PDB file of N, CA and C in Angstrom:
ATOM      1  N   MET A   1     123.292 118.944  57.294  1.00  0.00           N
ATOM      2  CA  MET A   1     121.860 119.072  57.300  1.00  0.00           C
ATOM      3  C   MET A   1     121.220 118.440  56.080  1.00  0.00           C
ATOM      4  N   ASN A   2     121.985 117.845  55.254  1.00  0.00           N
ATOM      5  CA  ASN A   2     121.456 117.235  54.050  1.00  0.00           C
ATOM      6  C   ASN A   2     120.612 116.005  54.365  1.00  0.00           C
ATOM      7  N   PHE A   3     120.955 115.277  55.431  1.00  0.00           N
ATOM      8  CA  PHE A   3     120.203 114.070  55.769  1.00  0.00           C
ATOM      9  C   PHE A   3     118.795 114.389  56.277  1.00  0.00           C
ATOM     10  N   LEU A   4     118.535 115.555  56.831  1.00  0.00           N
ATOM     11  CA  LEU A   4     117.201 115.935  57.291  1.00  0.00           C
ATOM     12  C   LEU A   4     116.256 116.247  56.140  1.00  0.00           C
ATOM     13  N   SER A   5     116.799 116.566  54.998  1.00  0.00           N
ATOM     14  CA  SER A   5     115.939 116.883  53.858  1.00  0.00           C
ATOM     15  C   SER A   5     115.282 115.629  53.278  1.00  0.00           C
ATOM     16  N   HIS A   6     115.811 114.455  53.569  1.00  0.00           N
ATOM     17  CA  HIS A   6     115.237 113.206  53.049  1.00  0.00           C
ATOM     18  C   HIS A   6     114.115 112.663  53.945  1.00  0.00           C
ATOM     19  N   ILE A   7     113.965 113.157  55.145  1.00  0.00           N
ATOM     20  CA  ILE A   7     112.923 112.712  56.082  1.00  0.00           C
ATOM     21  C   ILE A   7     111.615 113.416  55.723  1.00  0.00           C
ATOM     22  N   PRO A   8     110.517 112.665  55.597  1.00  0.00           N
ATOM     23  CA  PRO A   8     109.227 113.303  55.280  1.00  0.00           C
ATOM     24  C   PRO A   8     108.836 114.308  56.374  1.00  0.00           C
ATOM     25  N   ALA A   9     108.034 115.265  55.998  1.00  0.00           N
ATOM     26  CA  ALA A   9     107.685 116.370  56.895  1.00  0.00           C
ATOM     27  C   ALA A   9     106.861 115.908  58.093  1.00  0.00           C
ATOM     28  N   PHE A  10     105.971 114.923  57.908  1.00  0.00           N
ATOM     29  CA  PHE A  10     105.142 114.497  59.040  1.00  0.00           C
ATOM     30  C   PHE A  10     105.963 113.794  60.103  1.00  0.00           C
ATOM     31  N   LEU A  11     107.122 113.223  59.741  1.00  0.00           N
ATOM     32  CA  LEU A  11     107.979 112.585  60.742  1.00  0.00           C
ATOM     33  C   LEU A  11     108.769 113.613  61.556  1.00  0.00           C
ATOM     34  N   LYS A  12     108.863 114.812  61.066  1.00  0.00           N
ATOM     35  CA  LYS A  12     109.544 115.880  61.800  1.00  0.00           C
ATOM     36  C   LYS A  12     108.577 116.711  62.633  1.00  0.00           C
ATOM     37  N   ASN A  13     107.288 116.441  62.518  1.00  0.00           N
ATOM     38  CA  ASN A  13     106.266 117.184  63.248  1.00  0.00           C
ATOM     39  C   ASN A  13     106.310 116.791  64.729  1.00  0.00           C
ATOM     40  N   LYS A  14     106.421 117.764  65.621  1.00  0.00           N
ATOM     41  CA  LYS A  14     106.537 117.471  67.052  1.00  0.00           C
ATOM     42  C   LYS A  14     105.258 116.866  67.632  1.00  0.00           C
ATOM     43  N   TYR A  15     104.095 117.209  67.091  1.00  0.00           N
ATOM     44  CA  TYR A  15     102.835 116.638  67.581  1.00  0.00           C
ATOM     45  C   TYR A  15     102.718 115.162  67.184  1.00  0.00           C
ATOM     46  N   PHE A  16     103.118 114.868  65.971  1.00  0.00           N
ATOM     47  CA  PHE A  16     103.113 113.474  65.518  1.00  0.00           C
ATOM     48  C   PHE A  16     104.064 112.630  66.366  1.00  0.00           C
ATOM     49  N   LEU A  17     105.256 113.153  66.606  1.00  0.00           N
ATOM     50  CA  LEU A  17     106.232 112.420  67.426  1.00  0.00           C
ATOM     51  C   LEU A  17     105.729 112.231  68.853  1.00  0.00           C
ATOM     52  N   THR A  18     105.095 113.249  69.411  1.00  0.00           N
ATOM     53  CA  THR A  18     104.576 113.162  70.774  1.00  0.00           C
ATOM     54  C   THR A  18     103.457 112.125  70.868  1.00  0.00           C
ATOM     55  N   ILE A  19     102.520 112.170  69.935  1.00  0.00           N
ATOM     56  CA  ILE A  19     101.404 111.206  69.953  1.00  0.00           C
ATOM     57  C   ILE A  19     101.906 109.795  69.716  1.00  0.00           C
ATOM     58  N   THR A  20     102.839 109.630  68.795  1.00  0.00           N
ATOM     59  CA  THR A  20     103.412 108.306  68.529  1.00  0.00           C
ATOM     60  C   THR A  20     104.132 107.774  69.767  1.00  0.00           C
ATOM     61  N   GLY A  21     104.910 108.622  70.405  1.00  0.00           N
ATOM     62  CA  GLY A  21     105.608 108.204  71.621  1.00  0.00           C
ATOM     63  C   GLY A  21     104.634 107.826  72.728  1.00  0.00           C
ATOM     64  N   LEU A  22     103.575 108.598  72.872  1.00  0.00           N
ATOM     65  CA  LEU A  22     102.565 108.306  73.892  1.00  0.00           C
ATOM     66  C   LEU A  22     101.868 106.974  73.612  1.00  0.00           C
ATOM     67  N   LEU A  23     101.520 106.732  72.350  1.00  0.00           N
ATOM     68  CA  LEU A  23     100.860 105.465  71.996  1.00  0.00           C
ATOM     69  C   LEU A  23     101.774 104.263  72.222  1.00  0.00           C
ATOM     70  N   VAL A  24     103.044 104.419  71.861  1.00  0.00           N
ATOM     71  CA  VAL A  24     103.997 103.331  72.102  1.00  0.00           C
ATOM     72  C   VAL A  24     104.108 103.069  73.594  1.00  0.00           C
ATOM     73  N   TRP A  25     104.202 104.131  74.381  1.00  0.00           N
ATOM     74  CA  TRP A  25     104.284 103.972  75.831  1.00  0.00           C
ATOM     75  C   TRP A  25     103.033 103.283  76.388  1.00  0.00           C
ATOM     76  N   MET A  26     101.859 103.718  75.941  1.00  0.00           N
ATOM     77  CA  MET A  26     100.597 103.173  76.449  1.00  0.00           C
ATOM     78  C   MET A  26     100.405 101.708  76.056  1.00  0.00           C
ATOM     79  N   PHE A  27     100.827 101.341  74.849  1.00  0.00           N
ATOM     80  CA  PHE A  27     100.597  99.982  74.380  1.00  0.00           C
ATOM     81  C   PHE A  27     101.617  98.978  74.900  1.00  0.00           C
ATOM     82  N   PHE A  28     102.823  99.400  75.231  1.00  0.00           N
ATOM     83  CA  PHE A  28     103.849  98.420  75.560  1.00  0.00           C
ATOM     84  C   PHE A  28     104.526  98.597  76.910  1.00  0.00           C
ATOM     85  N   PHE A  29     104.670  99.809  77.412  1.00  0.00           N
ATOM     86  CA  PHE A  29     105.478 100.014  78.615  1.00  0.00           C
ATOM     87  C   PHE A  29     104.682 100.351  79.860  1.00  0.00           C
ATOM     88  N   ASP A  30     103.473 100.793  79.715  1.00  0.00           N
ATOM     89  CA  ASP A  30     102.666 101.204  80.858  1.00  0.00           C
ATOM     90  C   ASP A  30     102.239  99.984  81.669  1.00  0.00           C
ATOM     91  N   ARG A  31     101.872 100.204  82.915  1.00  0.00           N
ATOM     92  CA  ARG A  31     101.411  99.116  83.774  1.00  0.00           C
ATOM     93  C   ARG A  31     100.115  98.494  83.237  1.00  0.00           C
ATOM     94  N   ASN A  32      99.286  99.288  82.603  1.00  0.00           N
ATOM     95  CA  ASN A  32      98.036  98.819  82.020  1.00  0.00           C
ATOM     96  C   ASN A  32      98.166  98.706  80.505  1.00  0.00           C
ATOM     97  N   ASP A  33      99.255  98.089  80.052  1.00  0.00           N
ATOM     98  CA  ASP A  33      99.489  97.982  78.617  1.00  0.00           C
ATOM     99  C   ASP A  33      98.498  97.027  77.956  1.00  0.00           C
ATOM    100  N   PHE A  34      98.517  97.011  76.646  1.00  0.00           N
ATOM    101  CA  PHE A  34      97.542  96.248  75.872  1.00  0.00           C
ATOM    102  C   PHE A  34      97.588  94.737  76.174  1.00  0.00           C
ATOM    103  N   PRO A  35      98.761  94.085  76.206  1.00  0.00           N
ATOM    104  CA  PRO A  35      98.765  92.639  76.535  1.00  0.00           C
ATOM    105  C   PRO A  35      98.199  92.345  77.932  1.00  0.00           C
ATOM    106  N   SER A  36      98.466  93.202  78.897  1.00  0.00           N
ATOM    107  CA  SER A  36      97.920  92.992  80.251  1.00  0.00           C
ATOM    108  C   SER A  36      96.403  93.132  80.250  1.00  0.00           C
ATOM    109  N   GLN A  37      95.906  94.127  79.526  1.00  0.00           N
ATOM    110  CA  GLN A  37      94.461  94.308  79.435  1.00  0.00           C
ATOM    111  C   GLN A  37      93.811  93.109  78.765  1.00  0.00           C
ATOM    112  N   TRP A  38      94.445  92.568  77.737  1.00  0.00           N
ATOM    113  CA  TRP A  38      93.911  91.396  77.044  1.00  0.00           C
ATOM    114  C   TRP A  38      93.849  90.190  77.986  1.00  0.00           C
ATOM    115  N   GLU A  39      94.903  89.961  78.750  1.00  0.00           N
ATOM    116  CA  GLU A  39      94.921  88.852  79.712  1.00  0.00           C
ATOM    117  C   GLU A  39      93.837  89.029  80.764  1.00  0.00           C
ATOM    118  N   ARG A  40      93.661  90.239  81.252  1.00  0.00           N
ATOM    119  CA  ARG A  40      92.622  90.500  82.250  1.00  0.00           C
ATOM    120  C   ARG A  40      91.230  90.281  81.675  1.00  0.00           C
ATOM    121  N   HIS A  41      91.045  90.645  80.418  1.00  0.00           N
ATOM    122  CA  HIS A  41      89.754  90.441  79.768  1.00  0.00           C
ATOM    123  C   HIS A  41      89.469  88.942  79.624  1.00  0.00           C
ATOM    124  N   GLN A  42      90.479  88.172  79.252  1.00  0.00           N
ATOM    125  CA  GLN A  42      90.303  86.721  79.133  1.00  0.00           C
ATOM    126  C   GLN A  42      90.000  86.095  80.497  1.00  0.00           C
ATOM    127  N   LYS A  43      90.673  86.550  81.523  1.00  0.00           N
ATOM    128  CA  LYS A  43      90.432  86.046  82.878  1.00  0.00           C
ATOM    129  C   LYS A  43      89.010  86.387  83.330  1.00  0.00           C
ATOM    130  N   LEU A  44      88.552  87.607  83.001  1.00  0.00           N
ATOM    131  CA  LEU A  44      87.189  88.000  83.346  1.00  0.00           C
ATOM    132  C   LEU A  44      86.171  87.102  82.663  1.00  0.00           C
ATOM    133  N   LYS A  45      86.365  86.791  81.392  1.00  0.00           N
ATOM    134  CA  LYS A  45      85.451  85.906  80.680  1.00  0.00           C
ATOM    135  C   LYS A  45      85.443  84.512  81.309  1.00  0.00           C
ATOM    136  N   GLU A  46      86.621  84.034  81.698  1.00  0.00           N
ATOM    137  CA  GLU A  46      86.727  82.724  82.340  1.00  0.00           C
ATOM    138  C   GLU A  46      85.976  82.717  83.679  1.00  0.00           C
ATOM    139  N   LEU A  47      86.131  83.768  84.457  1.00  0.00           N
ATOM    140  CA  LEU A  47      85.450  83.852  85.752  1.00  0.00           C
ATOM    141  C   LEU A  47      83.930  83.979  85.580  1.00  0.00           C
ATOM    142  N   GLN A  48      83.495  84.692  84.556  1.00  0.00           N
ATOM    143  CA  GLN A  48      82.061  84.801  84.301  1.00  0.00           C
ATOM    144  C   GLN A  48      81.483  83.449  83.898  1.00  0.00           C
ATOM    145  N   ASN A  49      82.225  82.677  83.119  1.00  0.00           N
ATOM    146  CA  ASN A  49      81.761  81.337  82.751  1.00  0.00           C
ATOM    147  C   ASN A  49      81.677  80.432  83.971  1.00  0.00           C
ATOM    148  N   SER A  50      82.669  80.518  84.849  1.00  0.00           N
ATOM    149  CA  SER A  50      82.637  79.679  86.045  1.00  0.00           C
ATOM    150  C   SER A  50      81.515  80.132  86.986  1.00  0.00           C
ATOM    151  N   ALA A  51      81.220  81.426  87.007  1.00  0.00           N
ATOM    152  CA  ALA A  51      80.107  81.918  87.827  1.00  0.00           C
ATOM    153  C   ALA A  51      78.792  81.345  87.309  1.00  0.00           C
ATOM    154  N   GLY A  52      78.637  81.261  86.007  1.00  0.00           N
ATOM    155  CA  GLY A  52      77.432  80.650  85.432  1.00  0.00           C
ATOM    156  C   GLY A  52      77.327  79.174  85.781  1.00  0.00           C
ATOM    157  N   PHE A  53      78.461  78.467  85.746  1.00  0.00           N
ATOM    158  CA  PHE A  53      78.477  77.048  86.114  1.00  0.00           C
ATOM    159  C   PHE A  53      78.043  76.868  87.563  1.00  0.00           C
ATOM    160  N   TYR A  54      78.589  77.673  88.458  1.00  0.00           N
ATOM    161  CA  TYR A  54      78.238  77.541  89.870  1.00  0.00           C
ATOM    162  C   TYR A  54      76.803  77.985  90.142  1.00  0.00           C
ATOM    163  N   SER A  55      76.306  78.926  89.386  1.00  0.00           N
ATOM    164  CA  SER A  55      74.901  79.320  89.530  1.00  0.00           C
ATOM    165  C   SER A  55      73.980  78.162  89.172  1.00  0.00           C
ATOM    166  N   GLN A  56      74.341  77.427  88.126  1.00  0.00           N
ATOM    167  CA  GLN A  56      73.553  76.249  87.755  1.00  0.00           C
ATOM    168  C   GLN A  56      73.606  75.188  88.848  1.00  0.00           C
ATOM    169  N   LYS A  57      74.767  74.990  89.436  1.00  0.00           N
ATOM    170  CA  LYS A  57      74.899  74.016  90.530  1.00  0.00           C
ATOM    171  C   LYS A  57      74.058  74.439  91.734  1.00  0.00           C
ATOM    172  N   ILE A  58      74.043  75.720  92.039  1.00  0.00           N
ATOM    173  CA  ILE A  58      73.259  76.224  93.164  1.00  0.00           C
ATOM    174  C   ILE A  58      71.777  76.011  92.908  1.00  0.00           C
ATOM    175  N   GLU A  59      71.318  76.290  91.679  1.00  0.00           N
ATOM    176  CA  GLU A  59      69.909  76.086  91.338  1.00  0.00           C
ATOM    177  C   GLU A  59      69.537  74.602  91.438  1.00  0.00           C
ATOM    178  N   ALA A  60      70.435  73.718  91.002  1.00  0.00           N
ATOM    179  CA  ALA A  60      70.169  72.282  91.110  1.00  0.00           C
ATOM    180  C   ALA A  60      70.077  71.854  92.576  1.00  0.00           C
ATOM    181  N   ALA A  61      70.952  72.411  93.421  1.00  0.00           N
ATOM    182  CA  ALA A  61      70.924  72.075  94.848  1.00  0.00           C
ATOM    183  C   ALA A  61      69.643  72.594  95.500  1.00  0.00           C
ATOM    184  N   ARG A  62      69.205  73.790  95.108  1.00  0.00           N
ATOM    185  CA  ARG A  62      67.957  74.325  95.660  1.00  0.00           C
ATOM    186  C   ARG A  62      66.755  73.489  95.230  1.00  0.00           C
ATOM    187  N   ALA A  63      66.759  73.062  93.977  1.00  0.00           N
ATOM    188  CA  ALA A  63      65.655  72.220  93.492  1.00  0.00           C
ATOM    189  C   ALA A  63      65.623  70.896  94.249  1.00  0.00           C
ATOM    190  N   GLU A  64      66.805  70.322  94.490  1.00  0.00           N
ATOM    191  CA  GLU A  64      66.857  69.071  95.252  1.00  0.00           C
ATOM    192  C   GLU A  64      66.398  69.294  96.692  1.00  0.00           C
ATOM    193  N   LEU A  65      66.739  70.422  97.283  1.00  0.00           N
ATOM    194  CA  LEU A  65      66.308  70.729  98.641  1.00  0.00           C
ATOM    195  C   LEU A  65      64.794  70.855  98.711  1.00  0.00           C
ATOM    196  N   GLU A  66      64.206  71.546  97.744  1.00  0.00           N
ATOM    197  CA  GLU A  66      62.738  71.659  97.709  1.00  0.00           C
ATOM    198  C   GLU A  66      62.092  70.294  97.529  1.00  0.00           C
ATOM    199  N   LYS A  67      62.698  69.479  96.723  1.00  0.00           N
ATOM    200  CA  LYS A  67      62.176  68.123  96.514  1.00  0.00           C
ATOM    201  C   LYS A  67      62.236  67.318  97.817  1.00  0.00           C
ATOM    202  N   ARG A  68      63.328  67.480  98.543  1.00  0.00           N
ATOM    203  CA  ARG A  68      63.462  66.768  99.816  1.00  0.00           C
ATOM    204  C   ARG A  68      62.432  67.249 100.840  1.00  0.00           C
ATOM    205  N   LYS A  69      62.146  68.546 100.820  1.00  0.00           N
ATOM    206  CA  LYS A  69      61.193  69.090 101.780  1.00  0.00           C
ATOM    207  C   LYS A  69      59.779  68.591 101.518  1.00  0.00           C
ATOM    208  N   THR A  70      59.434  68.379 100.273  1.00  0.00           N
ATOM    209  CA  THR A  70      58.057  68.010  99.936  1.00  0.00           C
ATOM    210  C   THR A  70      57.841  66.510  99.859  1.00  0.00           C
ATOM    211  N   ASP A  71      58.883  65.729  99.626  1.00  0.00           N
ATOM    212  CA  ASP A  71      58.713  64.286  99.435  1.00  0.00           C
ATOM    213  C   ASP A  71      59.350  63.525 100.599  1.00  0.00           C
ATOM    214  N   PRO A  72      58.550  62.935 101.495  1.00  0.00           N
ATOM    215  CA  PRO A  72      59.135  62.200 102.626  1.00  0.00           C
ATOM    216  C   PRO A  72      59.883  60.944 102.194  1.00  0.00           C
ATOM    217  N   ALA A  73      59.520  60.361 101.064  1.00  0.00           N
ATOM    218  CA  ALA A  73      60.227  59.167 100.593  1.00  0.00           C
ATOM    219  C   ALA A  73      61.626  59.525 100.098  1.00  0.00           C
ATOM    220  N   ALA A  74      61.855  60.777  99.799  1.00  0.00           N
ATOM    221  CA  ALA A  74      63.174  61.199  99.323  1.00  0.00           C
ATOM    222  C   ALA A  74      64.217  61.052 100.428  1.00  0.00           C
ATOM    223  N   TYR A  75      63.826  61.247 101.671  1.00  0.00           N
ATOM    224  CA  TYR A  75      64.765  61.059 102.780  1.00  0.00           C
ATOM    225  C   TYR A  75      65.304  59.638 102.801  1.00  0.00           C
ATOM    226  N   GLU A  76      64.422  58.687 102.658  1.00  0.00           N
ATOM    227  CA  GLU A  76      64.843  57.282 102.684  1.00  0.00           C
ATOM    228  C   GLU A  76      65.726  56.973 101.474  1.00  0.00           C
ATOM    229  N   ARG A  77      65.349  57.465 100.311  1.00  0.00           N
ATOM    230  CA  ARG A  77      66.134  57.209  99.103  1.00  0.00           C
ATOM    231  C   ARG A  77      67.545  57.789  99.229  1.00  0.00           C
ATOM    232  N   ILE A  78      67.643  59.000  99.738  1.00  0.00           N
ATOM    233  CA  ILE A  78      68.954  59.639  99.887  1.00  0.00           C
ATOM    234  C   ILE A  78      69.782  58.916 100.942  1.00  0.00           C
ATOM    235  N   ALA A  79      69.142  58.526 102.027  1.00  0.00           N
ATOM    236  CA  ALA A  79      69.863  57.802 103.079  1.00  0.00           C
ATOM    237  C   ALA A  79      70.402  56.482 102.553  1.00  0.00           C
ATOM    238  N   ARG A  80      69.630  55.810 101.727  1.00  0.00           N
ATOM    239  CA  ARG A  80      70.077  54.527 101.189  1.00  0.00           C
ATOM    240  C   ARG A  80      71.157  54.697 100.120  1.00  0.00           C
ATOM    241  N   GLU A  81      71.006  55.675  99.215  1.00  0.00           N
ATOM    242  CA  GLU A  81      71.939  55.822  98.105  1.00  0.00           C
ATOM    243  C   GLU A  81      73.250  56.488  98.501  1.00  0.00           C
ATOM    244  N   LYS A  82      73.174  57.541  99.267  1.00  0.00           N
ATOM    245  CA  LYS A  82      74.392  58.294  99.571  1.00  0.00           C
ATOM    246  C   LYS A  82      75.107  57.812 100.826  1.00  0.00           C
ATOM    247  N   TYR A  83      74.343  57.433 101.826  1.00  0.00           N
ATOM    248  CA  TYR A  83      74.944  57.106 103.114  1.00  0.00           C
ATOM    249  C   TYR A  83      74.907  55.612 103.426  1.00  0.00           C
ATOM    250  N   TYR A  84      74.412  54.801 102.495  1.00  0.00           N
ATOM    251  CA  TYR A  84      74.370  53.341 102.620  1.00  0.00           C
ATOM    252  C   TYR A  84      73.695  52.872 103.908  1.00  0.00           C
ATOM    253  N   MET A  85      72.642  53.535 104.307  1.00  0.00           N
ATOM    254  CA  MET A  85      71.884  53.109 105.476  1.00  0.00           C
ATOM    255  C   MET A  85      70.932  52.004 105.067  1.00  0.00           C
ATOM    256  N   LYS A  86      70.568  51.200 106.036  1.00  0.00           N
ATOM    257  CA  LYS A  86      69.683  50.073 105.738  1.00  0.00           C
ATOM    258  C   LYS A  86      68.720  49.863 106.881  1.00  0.00           C
ATOM    259  N   LYS A  87      67.689  49.078 106.585  1.00  0.00           N
ATOM    260  CA  LYS A  87      66.752  48.678 107.630  1.00  0.00           C
ATOM    261  C   LYS A  87      67.358  47.515 108.397  1.00  0.00           C
ATOM    262  N   ASP A  88      66.762  47.190 109.540  1.00  0.00           N
ATOM    263  CA  ASP A  88      67.327  46.156 110.399  1.00  0.00           C
ATOM    264  C   ASP A  88      67.345  44.778 109.735  1.00  0.00           C
ATOM    265  N   ASN A  89      66.369  44.475 108.919  1.00  0.00           N
ATOM    266  CA  ASN A  89      66.287  43.126 108.365  1.00  0.00           C
ATOM    267  C   ASN A  89      66.828  43.052 106.929  1.00  0.00           C
ATOM    268  N   GLU A  90      67.674  44.002 106.519  1.00  0.00           N
ATOM    269  CA  GLU A  90      68.202  44.020 105.161  1.00  0.00           C
ATOM    270  C   GLU A  90      69.707  43.808 105.158  1.00  0.00           C
ATOM    271  N   ASP A  91      70.209  43.320 104.032  1.00  0.00           N
ATOM    272  CA  ASP A  91      71.647  43.235 103.779  1.00  0.00           C
ATOM    273  C   ASP A  91      71.954  44.114 102.572  1.00  0.00           C
ATOM    274  N   ILE A  92      73.105  44.745 102.592  1.00  0.00           N
ATOM    275  CA  ILE A  92      73.522  45.614 101.492  1.00  0.00           C
ATOM    276  C   ILE A  92      74.739  45.003 100.832  1.00  0.00           C
ATOM    277  N   PHE A  93      74.687  44.928  99.504  1.00  0.00           N
ATOM    278  CA  PHE A  93      75.806  44.465  98.723  1.00  0.00           C
ATOM    279  C   PHE A  93      76.252  45.606  97.819  1.00  0.00           C
ATOM    280  N   LEU A  94      77.539  45.984  97.955  1.00  0.00           N
ATOM    281  CA  LEU A  94      78.100  47.060  97.145  1.00  0.00           C
ATOM    282  C   LEU A  94      78.973  46.468  96.047  1.00  0.00           C
ATOM    283  N   PHE A  95      78.750  46.947  94.817  1.00  0.00           N
ATOM    284  CA  PHE A  95      79.526  46.478  93.683  1.00  0.00           C
ATOM    285  C   PHE A  95      80.330  47.635  93.117  1.00  0.00           C
ATOM    286  N   ASN A  96      81.615  47.413  92.941  1.00  0.00           N
ATOM    287  CA  ASN A  96      82.463  48.414  92.299  1.00  0.00           C
ATOM    288  C   ASN A  96      82.423  48.207  90.800  1.00  0.00           C
ATOM    289  N   GLN A  97      82.255  49.303  90.085  1.00  0.00           N
ATOM    290  CA  GLN A  97      82.164  49.166  88.633  1.00  0.00           C
ATOM    291  C   GLN A  97      83.462  49.454  87.973  1.00  0.00           C
TER     292      GLN A  97
END
């Protein structure tokens, strides 16, 4: 029993040992351990950033739709630029950059 006399008293306390064991279990061995929570938090931040990006894209698409609804010349411009449509008496030359 001589070796137990060298151990500090707080290390022999059953409440301290229980709380320490519980914290070790919670931080490293549990299904919701600290590294897993950190990874999930990083993933959540990444998804929130991508949600903001897509919200901006949606707003830009809505603004373009409103512009198309109000401007009849926009139909012709979009048809010419995106779909390469032309009038009967025109020729189209496409250049690759």
